[in-house]
Protein backbone atom coordinates (compact mmCIF):
# COMPACT_ATOMS: atom_id res chain seq x y z
CA MET A 1 -20.63 -36.79 5.99
CA LYS A 2 -20.72 -33.72 3.81
CA GLN A 3 -19.74 -30.40 5.38
CA PRO A 4 -23.23 -28.77 5.20
CA THR A 5 -24.78 -31.86 6.81
CA ALA A 6 -22.15 -31.86 9.58
CA ALA A 7 -22.69 -28.13 10.20
CA ALA A 8 -26.46 -28.62 10.44
CA PHE A 9 -25.96 -31.55 12.84
CA LEU A 10 -23.71 -29.51 15.15
CA ARG A 11 -26.11 -26.57 14.93
CA TRP A 12 -29.14 -28.50 16.16
CA LEU A 13 -27.29 -30.92 18.49
CA PRO A 14 -27.86 -28.80 21.66
CA ALA A 15 -31.64 -28.86 21.25
CA VAL A 16 -31.49 -32.62 20.64
CA LEU A 17 -29.39 -33.10 23.80
CA ALA A 18 -31.96 -31.20 25.87
CA ILE A 19 -34.76 -33.48 24.66
CA MET A 20 -32.59 -36.59 25.09
CA SER A 21 -31.77 -35.63 28.69
CA TRP A 22 -35.49 -35.63 29.51
CA PHE A 23 -36.03 -39.05 27.92
CA ILE A 24 -33.08 -40.43 29.88
CA GLY A 25 -34.69 -39.13 33.07
CA TRP A 26 -38.00 -40.58 32.03
CA GLY A 27 -36.36 -43.95 31.41
CA LEU A 28 -35.00 -43.96 34.96
CA VAL A 29 -38.34 -43.17 36.64
CA GLY A 30 -38.75 -45.45 39.60
CA VAL A 31 -35.01 -46.17 39.70
CA LEU A 32 -33.38 -42.80 40.32
CA LEU A 33 -36.19 -40.32 39.74
CA ASP A 34 -39.89 -40.12 40.50
CA ARG A 35 -42.52 -39.77 37.82
CA THR A 36 -44.01 -36.47 38.98
CA THR A 37 -40.67 -34.63 39.10
CA VAL A 38 -39.72 -35.79 35.61
CA LEU A 39 -43.09 -34.70 34.26
CA TRP A 40 -42.58 -31.27 35.84
CA ALA A 41 -39.19 -31.13 34.10
CA LEU A 42 -40.79 -31.46 30.64
CA PRO A 43 -42.00 -27.79 30.28
CA PRO A 44 -38.59 -26.20 31.09
CA THR A 45 -36.91 -28.81 28.88
CA LEU A 46 -39.15 -27.90 25.94
CA ALA A 47 -38.61 -24.20 26.69
CA VAL A 48 -34.81 -24.70 26.68
CA ALA A 49 -34.99 -26.61 23.40
CA ALA A 50 -37.18 -23.91 21.81
CA LEU A 51 -34.89 -21.15 23.10
CA ARG A 52 -31.85 -23.01 21.77
CA ILE A 53 -33.48 -23.33 18.32
CA ALA A 54 -34.20 -19.57 18.36
CA ILE A 55 -30.59 -18.86 19.40
CA GLU A 56 -29.15 -20.99 16.60
CA ARG A 57 -31.42 -19.44 13.99
CA ASN A 58 -30.38 -15.91 15.03
CA ALA A 59 -26.77 -16.62 15.99
CA ALA A 60 -25.41 -14.43 13.18
CA ARG A 61 -27.39 -11.44 14.48
CA ILE A 62 -26.25 -11.74 18.11
CA VAL A 63 -23.49 -9.26 18.90
CA PRO A 64 -21.03 -10.90 21.34
CA GLY A 65 -21.14 -9.20 24.74
CA SER A 66 -24.20 -7.10 23.89
CA ARG A 67 -27.09 -6.40 26.28
CA ALA A 68 -29.31 -8.74 24.27
CA ALA A 69 -26.75 -11.54 24.65
CA VAL A 70 -26.55 -11.02 28.44
CA VAL A 71 -30.33 -10.91 28.90
CA GLY A 72 -30.83 -13.94 26.66
CA TYR A 73 -28.20 -15.85 28.62
CA ALA A 74 -29.86 -14.98 31.94
CA VAL A 75 -33.18 -16.39 30.71
CA HIS A 76 -31.45 -19.43 29.26
CA LEU A 77 -29.53 -20.06 32.51
CA ALA A 78 -32.72 -19.82 34.61
CA LEU A 79 -34.51 -22.35 32.40
CA THR A 80 -31.48 -24.66 32.37
CA LEU A 81 -31.14 -24.58 36.18
CA THR A 82 -34.87 -25.33 36.51
CA MET A 83 -34.53 -28.23 34.09
CA VAL A 84 -31.48 -29.63 35.92
CA ALA A 85 -33.13 -29.18 39.34
CA LEU A 86 -36.08 -31.31 38.25
CA ASN A 87 -34.10 -33.71 36.06
CA PRO A 88 -30.38 -33.99 37.00
CA PHE A 89 -29.66 -35.54 33.60
CA GLY A 90 -30.26 -32.07 32.15
CA CYS A 91 -26.56 -31.50 32.90
CA ILE A 92 -25.92 -33.35 29.64
CA TYR A 93 -27.23 -30.23 27.91
CA ALA A 94 -25.65 -27.77 30.35
CA PHE A 95 -22.18 -28.44 28.87
CA ILE A 96 -23.23 -26.27 25.91
CA GLY A 97 -22.52 -23.30 28.17
CA TYR A 98 -18.78 -23.72 27.57
CA GLN A 99 -19.34 -23.29 23.85
CA ASP A 100 -21.72 -20.35 24.36
CA ALA A 101 -19.11 -18.51 26.45
CA ASP A 102 -16.76 -18.34 23.50
CA ARG A 103 -19.49 -17.64 20.93
CA PHE A 104 -21.60 -14.92 22.53
CA PHE A 105 -19.44 -13.19 25.16
CA VAL A 106 -16.26 -11.16 25.37
CA GLY A 107 -13.73 -10.02 27.95
CA ARG A 108 -14.63 -10.62 31.60
CA GLN A 109 -18.01 -12.03 30.64
CA VAL A 110 -16.35 -15.24 29.41
CA PRO A 111 -14.98 -16.53 32.77
CA VAL A 112 -18.28 -15.64 34.50
CA VAL A 113 -20.26 -17.71 32.00
CA ILE A 114 -17.78 -20.60 32.23
CA VAL A 115 -17.95 -20.67 36.06
CA LEU A 116 -21.76 -20.59 36.01
CA THR A 117 -21.73 -23.44 33.49
CA ALA A 118 -19.40 -25.46 35.75
CA VAL A 119 -21.71 -24.89 38.74
CA THR A 120 -24.78 -25.96 36.71
CA CYS A 121 -23.05 -29.12 35.47
CA ALA A 122 -21.81 -30.06 38.96
CA PHE A 123 -25.30 -29.40 40.37
CA GLY A 124 -26.82 -31.89 37.92
CA GLN A 125 -24.02 -34.46 38.25
CA ALA A 126 -24.42 -34.44 42.04
CA GLY A 127 -28.16 -35.22 41.70
CA SER A 128 -29.54 -31.68 41.99
CA PHE A 129 -31.05 -30.71 45.39
CA ARG A 130 -31.30 -34.27 46.68
CA GLY A 131 -27.63 -34.97 45.98
CA LEU A 132 -26.55 -31.57 47.27
CA GLN A 133 -28.28 -32.25 50.61
CA GLY A 134 -27.18 -35.85 50.89
CA ALA A 135 -23.58 -35.58 49.69
CA PRO A 136 -22.33 -31.98 49.70
CA LEU A 137 -18.71 -33.13 49.46
CA LEU A 138 -19.56 -34.90 46.22
CA PHE A 139 -20.97 -31.65 44.84
CA ILE A 140 -17.79 -29.81 45.85
CA ALA A 141 -15.62 -32.47 44.22
CA LEU A 142 -17.68 -32.43 41.04
CA LEU A 143 -17.60 -28.62 41.06
CA ALA A 144 -13.80 -28.72 41.32
CA VAL A 145 -13.61 -31.15 38.41
CA ASN A 146 -15.90 -28.99 36.29
CA LEU A 147 -13.95 -25.84 37.18
CA LEU A 148 -10.76 -27.64 36.20
CA ILE A 149 -12.37 -28.55 32.89
CA ALA A 150 -13.57 -24.95 32.52
CA LEU A 151 -10.09 -23.58 33.22
CA SER A 152 -8.69 -25.99 30.67
CA PHE A 153 -11.20 -24.72 28.12
CA MET A 154 -10.30 -21.13 28.94
CA ARG A 155 -6.58 -21.80 28.74
CA ALA A 156 -6.97 -23.59 25.42
CA ALA A 157 -9.11 -20.73 24.09
CA LEU A 158 -6.58 -18.12 25.22
CA ALA A 159 -3.74 -20.09 23.69
CA GLN A 160 -5.68 -20.34 20.44
CA GLU A 161 -6.37 -16.60 20.49
CA ARG A 162 -2.69 -15.87 21.09
CA HIS A 163 -1.74 -18.23 18.29
CA VAL A 164 -4.21 -16.55 15.91
CA ALA A 165 -2.99 -13.10 16.98
CA GLU A 166 0.63 -14.12 16.43
CA ARG A 167 -0.22 -15.51 12.99
CA GLU A 168 -2.03 -12.28 12.12
CA ARG A 169 0.92 -10.22 13.32
CA ALA A 170 3.29 -12.42 11.33
CA ALA A 171 1.08 -12.06 8.25
CA ASP A 172 0.96 -8.28 8.69
CA GLU A 173 4.73 -8.17 9.12
CA LEU A 174 5.24 -10.27 6.02
CA ALA A 175 2.89 -8.02 4.07
CA ARG A 176 4.75 -4.94 5.33
CA ILE A 177 8.12 -6.45 4.42
CA SER A 178 6.73 -7.47 1.03
CA ARG A 179 5.58 -3.89 0.40
CA GLN A 180 8.98 -2.57 1.47
CA ASN A 181 10.72 -5.07 -0.80
CA ALA A 182 8.50 -4.02 -3.70
CA VAL A 183 9.35 -0.36 -3.08
CA LEU A 184 13.05 -1.15 -2.76
CA HIS A 185 12.92 -3.28 -5.89
CA GLN A 186 11.30 -0.44 -7.82
CA GLN A 187 13.86 1.99 -6.43
CA LEU A 188 16.68 -0.30 -7.54
CA LEU A 189 15.15 -0.57 -11.00
CA ASP A 190 14.76 3.20 -11.19
CA GLN A 191 18.30 3.75 -10.00
CA ALA A 192 19.66 1.19 -12.45
CA ARG A 193 17.67 2.78 -15.27
CA THR A 194 18.81 6.28 -14.31
CA ARG A 195 22.40 5.12 -13.98
CA GLY A 196 22.20 3.33 -17.32
CA ILE A 197 20.79 6.41 -19.01
CA ALA A 198 23.46 8.60 -17.43
CA GLU A 199 26.22 6.21 -18.46
CA GLU A 200 24.92 6.01 -22.03
CA ARG A 201 24.63 9.79 -22.27
CA ALA A 202 28.16 10.16 -20.92
CA ARG A 203 29.42 7.61 -23.44
CA LEU A 204 27.69 9.43 -26.29
CA SER A 205 29.09 12.73 -25.04
CA ARG A 206 32.61 11.30 -25.04
CA GLU A 207 32.12 9.71 -28.46
CA ILE A 208 30.88 12.97 -30.01
CA HIS A 209 33.68 14.92 -28.37
CA ASP A 210 36.43 12.48 -29.32
CA THR A 211 35.26 11.77 -32.87
CA VAL A 212 32.89 14.30 -34.43
CA ALA A 213 34.08 17.40 -32.56
CA GLN A 214 37.75 16.56 -32.85
CA GLY A 215 37.32 15.66 -36.51
CA LEU A 216 35.64 18.99 -37.19
CA VAL A 217 38.45 20.79 -35.38
CA GLY A 218 40.90 19.02 -37.70
CA VAL A 219 38.88 19.95 -40.76
CA ILE A 220 38.76 23.60 -39.70
CA SER A 221 42.51 23.57 -39.03
CA GLN A 222 43.16 22.15 -42.49
CA LEU A 223 40.92 24.73 -44.11
CA GLU A 224 42.60 27.54 -42.21
CA ALA A 225 46.00 26.25 -43.32
CA LEU A 226 45.19 26.66 -47.02
CA PRO A 227 47.22 29.39 -48.77
CA ALA A 228 45.65 32.82 -49.01
CA ASP A 229 46.35 33.27 -52.74
CA LEU A 230 43.74 30.78 -53.87
CA ASP A 231 41.39 31.53 -56.72
CA PRO A 232 38.53 33.74 -55.47
CA GLY A 233 35.93 31.13 -56.41
CA ILE A 234 37.83 28.44 -54.56
CA ARG A 235 38.42 30.76 -51.59
CA GLU A 236 34.67 31.40 -51.39
CA ARG A 237 33.93 27.67 -51.31
CA VAL A 238 36.61 27.16 -48.68
CA ALA A 239 35.08 29.96 -46.58
CA ARG A 240 31.62 28.40 -46.85
CA ALA A 241 33.05 24.99 -45.94
CA GLU A 242 34.86 26.49 -42.96
CA GLU A 243 31.70 28.29 -41.87
CA THR A 244 29.69 25.08 -42.18
CA ALA A 245 32.32 23.14 -40.25
CA ARG A 246 32.35 25.74 -37.48
CA GLY A 247 28.54 25.57 -37.28
CA CYS A 248 28.69 21.78 -37.03
CA LEU A 249 31.40 22.07 -34.37
CA THR A 250 29.19 24.42 -32.37
CA ASP A 251 26.28 21.97 -32.60
CA ALA A 252 28.57 19.11 -31.63
CA ARG A 253 29.85 20.96 -28.58
CA ARG A 254 26.27 21.87 -27.68
CA ALA A 255 25.32 18.19 -27.88
CA VAL A 256 28.33 17.27 -25.76
CA ALA A 257 27.29 19.81 -23.12
CA ALA A 258 23.69 18.57 -23.14
CA LEU A 259 24.69 14.92 -22.89
CA ALA A 260 27.43 15.38 -20.32
CA PRO A 261 26.37 14.25 -16.85
CA GLN A 262 25.40 17.02 -14.44
CA GLN A 263 25.71 15.98 -10.81
CA LEU A 264 23.09 16.98 -8.27
CA ASP A 265 24.93 17.55 -5.00
CA ASP A 266 22.59 16.46 -2.18
CA ASP A 267 19.61 16.72 -4.54
CA ASP A 268 20.16 20.50 -4.84
CA LEU A 269 18.39 20.90 -8.17
CA ALA A 270 18.16 24.70 -7.92
CA ASP A 271 21.95 25.08 -7.78
CA ALA A 272 22.44 22.63 -10.66
CA VAL A 273 19.88 24.38 -12.88
CA GLY A 274 21.36 27.73 -11.96
CA ALA A 275 24.84 26.54 -12.97
CA VAL A 276 23.54 25.17 -16.29
CA ALA A 277 21.65 28.40 -17.01
CA ALA A 278 24.65 30.59 -16.16
CA ALA A 279 27.01 28.53 -18.34
CA TRP A 280 24.53 28.54 -21.21
CA ALA A 281 24.10 32.34 -20.98
CA ARG A 282 27.87 32.87 -21.09
CA ASN A 283 28.35 30.56 -24.06
CA HIS A 284 25.51 31.97 -26.14
CA ARG A 285 25.53 35.59 -24.95
CA VAL A 286 21.80 35.55 -24.29
CA VAL A 287 20.19 37.15 -21.25
CA ILE A 288 18.73 34.42 -19.01
CA GLU A 289 16.63 34.83 -15.87
CA PHE A 290 16.40 32.02 -13.35
CA ASP A 291 13.58 31.89 -10.77
CA ALA A 292 13.66 29.23 -8.03
CA ASP A 293 11.71 31.08 -5.33
CA ALA A 294 9.00 28.39 -5.26
CA ALA A 295 11.49 25.51 -5.34
CA PRO A 296 11.61 23.15 -2.31
CA ASP A 297 14.84 22.00 -0.68
CA ARG A 298 14.62 18.54 -2.22
CA PHE A 299 13.19 17.24 -5.48
CA GLN A 300 12.05 13.71 -6.20
CA HIS A 301 12.63 14.00 -9.96
CA GLY A 302 15.69 16.22 -10.05
CA PRO A 303 17.60 14.40 -12.85
CA GLU A 304 14.60 14.40 -15.19
CA LEU A 305 13.88 18.11 -14.63
CA LEU A 306 17.55 19.00 -15.10
CA ARG A 307 17.60 17.19 -18.45
CA VAL A 308 14.51 19.10 -19.55
CA VAL A 309 16.29 22.38 -18.78
CA GLN A 310 19.36 21.25 -20.74
CA GLU A 311 17.31 20.09 -23.73
CA GLY A 312 15.10 23.19 -23.61
CA LEU A 313 18.06 25.57 -23.59
CA SER A 314 19.70 23.57 -26.36
CA ASN A 315 16.56 23.98 -28.48
CA VAL A 316 16.53 27.73 -27.77
CA ALA A 317 20.13 28.01 -28.95
CA ARG A 318 19.47 26.04 -32.17
CA HIS A 319 16.10 27.36 -33.24
CA ALA A 320 14.70 30.30 -31.27
CA GLN A 321 17.02 33.21 -32.10
CA ALA A 322 15.93 34.60 -28.72
CA SER A 323 17.24 37.63 -26.90
CA GLY A 324 15.99 36.55 -23.50
CA VAL A 325 15.14 33.30 -21.70
CA ARG A 326 13.42 32.63 -18.37
CA VAL A 327 13.81 29.36 -16.44
CA THR A 328 11.39 28.78 -13.55
CA LEU A 329 11.72 25.92 -11.09
CA GLY A 330 8.92 25.11 -8.65
CA ALA A 331 6.80 22.47 -6.96
CA THR A 332 3.47 21.88 -5.23
CA ALA A 333 2.30 19.13 -2.92
CA ALA A 334 1.22 17.13 -5.98
CA ALA A 335 3.87 17.78 -8.63
CA GLU A 336 7.27 19.22 -9.52
CA THR A 337 7.61 21.59 -12.48
CA VAL A 338 10.16 23.42 -14.56
CA THR A 339 9.46 26.02 -17.26
CA VAL A 340 11.77 27.23 -20.03
CA ALA A 341 10.35 30.30 -21.82
CA ASP A 342 12.00 32.36 -24.58
CA ASP A 343 11.08 35.42 -26.62
CA GLY A 344 12.29 33.94 -29.89
CA ARG A 345 10.61 33.34 -33.20
CA GLY A 346 8.33 30.55 -32.02
CA PHE A 347 6.68 27.85 -34.14
CA HIS A 348 3.47 25.86 -34.64
CA PRO A 349 3.62 23.05 -32.01
CA ASP A 350 1.17 20.83 -33.91
CA ALA A 351 3.13 21.07 -37.15
CA HIS A 352 6.58 20.69 -35.63
CA ALA A 353 7.89 17.15 -36.12
CA ALA A 354 11.58 17.52 -36.98
CA GLY A 355 14.40 16.75 -34.57
CA HIS A 356 14.66 14.64 -31.45
CA GLY A 357 14.65 17.27 -28.70
CA LEU A 358 10.93 17.55 -27.95
CA PRO A 359 10.13 13.83 -28.46
CA GLY A 360 13.09 12.95 -26.25
CA MET A 361 11.84 15.24 -23.48
CA ARG A 362 8.34 13.76 -23.74
CA GLU A 363 9.69 10.20 -23.52
CA ARG A 364 11.88 11.02 -20.52
CA LEU A 365 9.00 12.69 -18.70
CA ALA A 366 6.54 9.92 -19.59
CA ALA A 367 8.93 7.34 -18.11
CA ALA A 368 8.71 9.26 -14.80
CA GLY A 369 4.91 9.62 -15.06
CA GLY A 370 5.02 13.24 -16.22
CA TRP A 371 4.20 15.26 -19.34
CA LEU A 372 5.36 18.22 -21.41
CA ASP A 373 3.19 21.22 -22.26
CA ILE A 374 4.25 23.38 -25.26
CA ARG A 375 2.86 26.85 -25.89
CA SER A 376 4.21 28.64 -28.93
CA ALA A 377 3.24 30.61 -32.00
CA PRO A 378 5.29 32.13 -34.81
CA GLY A 379 6.76 35.43 -33.64
CA HIS A 380 5.59 35.01 -30.02
CA GLY A 381 8.26 32.84 -28.47
CA THR A 382 7.98 29.40 -26.88
CA THR A 383 7.17 28.17 -23.38
CA LEU A 384 7.97 24.59 -22.36
CA THR A 385 6.51 23.36 -19.05
CA ALA A 386 7.49 19.96 -17.70
CA THR A 387 5.34 18.47 -14.91
CA ILE A 388 6.04 15.29 -12.94
CA PRO A 389 3.66 14.12 -10.15
CA VAL A 390 5.11 13.41 -6.72
CA THR A 391 4.43 9.94 -5.35
CA ALA A 392 2.92 9.52 -1.88
CA GLU A 393 5.90 7.54 -0.51
CA ALA A 394 8.40 10.22 -1.51
CA SER A 395 6.31 13.11 -0.18
CA ARG A 396 6.29 11.76 3.38
């Protein structure tokens, strides 16, 4: 039997049982029942069948436990009791009450409906009023059996509800653990990426220091060791070579400082940026102002913002020829920001393509979901603003 056919059969089975119960009573006229009583049972039987058809057609609209459900059940129970009183075989249909209790009622309504169904079934099984008067003990015994069946139904239903609730709780717990695992996995990936970047930068810093910088120091030492009585033309070339070597050494040391790892003690980004700014100001003899009044106690993207400050100050030292620099660290509920502004010579941002400083900052910020804003013009200085949004998990 196909599923739709089976569903339709189960849907209309109660109405069929009501009609069948009347025909069974009619077949036993003269044996167990009299003709007149069975004929009187036909109107309530047809009414029950019609009401059941209406219930099944509108089952999806019936709100379990609602006033409409209670009133409809009261009418249905009155018709069913009338049918069973006139035709005891109507108890064949009355069993549907156990199913209705679970479908259309909630809370304390369920046991009430189940008990009333048990009483109706026992009333019919005992032979309605005639059996109740002639054998009351039989009615009590049948009532006890039906109540036992009802309690079994209730216990099974409660066990099923508990089982479903436990499965839902287990599914929710698994979903929660899965979300936590996904967050932890992403955190591990981010930490591994950050650690890898830091290790690579440290390695490059050491390589530049141990090879390029030390080599330039050796070249300068050799140039300085040349005798002073050289030909003026040669001495001029030596001086230019020494000047070039010293400039390259300065750039190399600047790169080493920018690449060297800067630790953030307890995520205190303000102290780390302040230390970088102070060291940079001493090395380059440029006035620097650091503002962290709007900075929170903790930053989510401290390493990325610190690198922007280092790269920004390195660019100022190489290109800006500035007399003053301002570094501003701050955050809102939605994002963390850092600004490096100088009063140097400036440039055209759209036409500037040389070097790796600005592209590197953009790539680092993009990897964290942020962006870099550049405002500059020739003769009007440069302002770099890095912005990185704060994720919901980290802001809690």
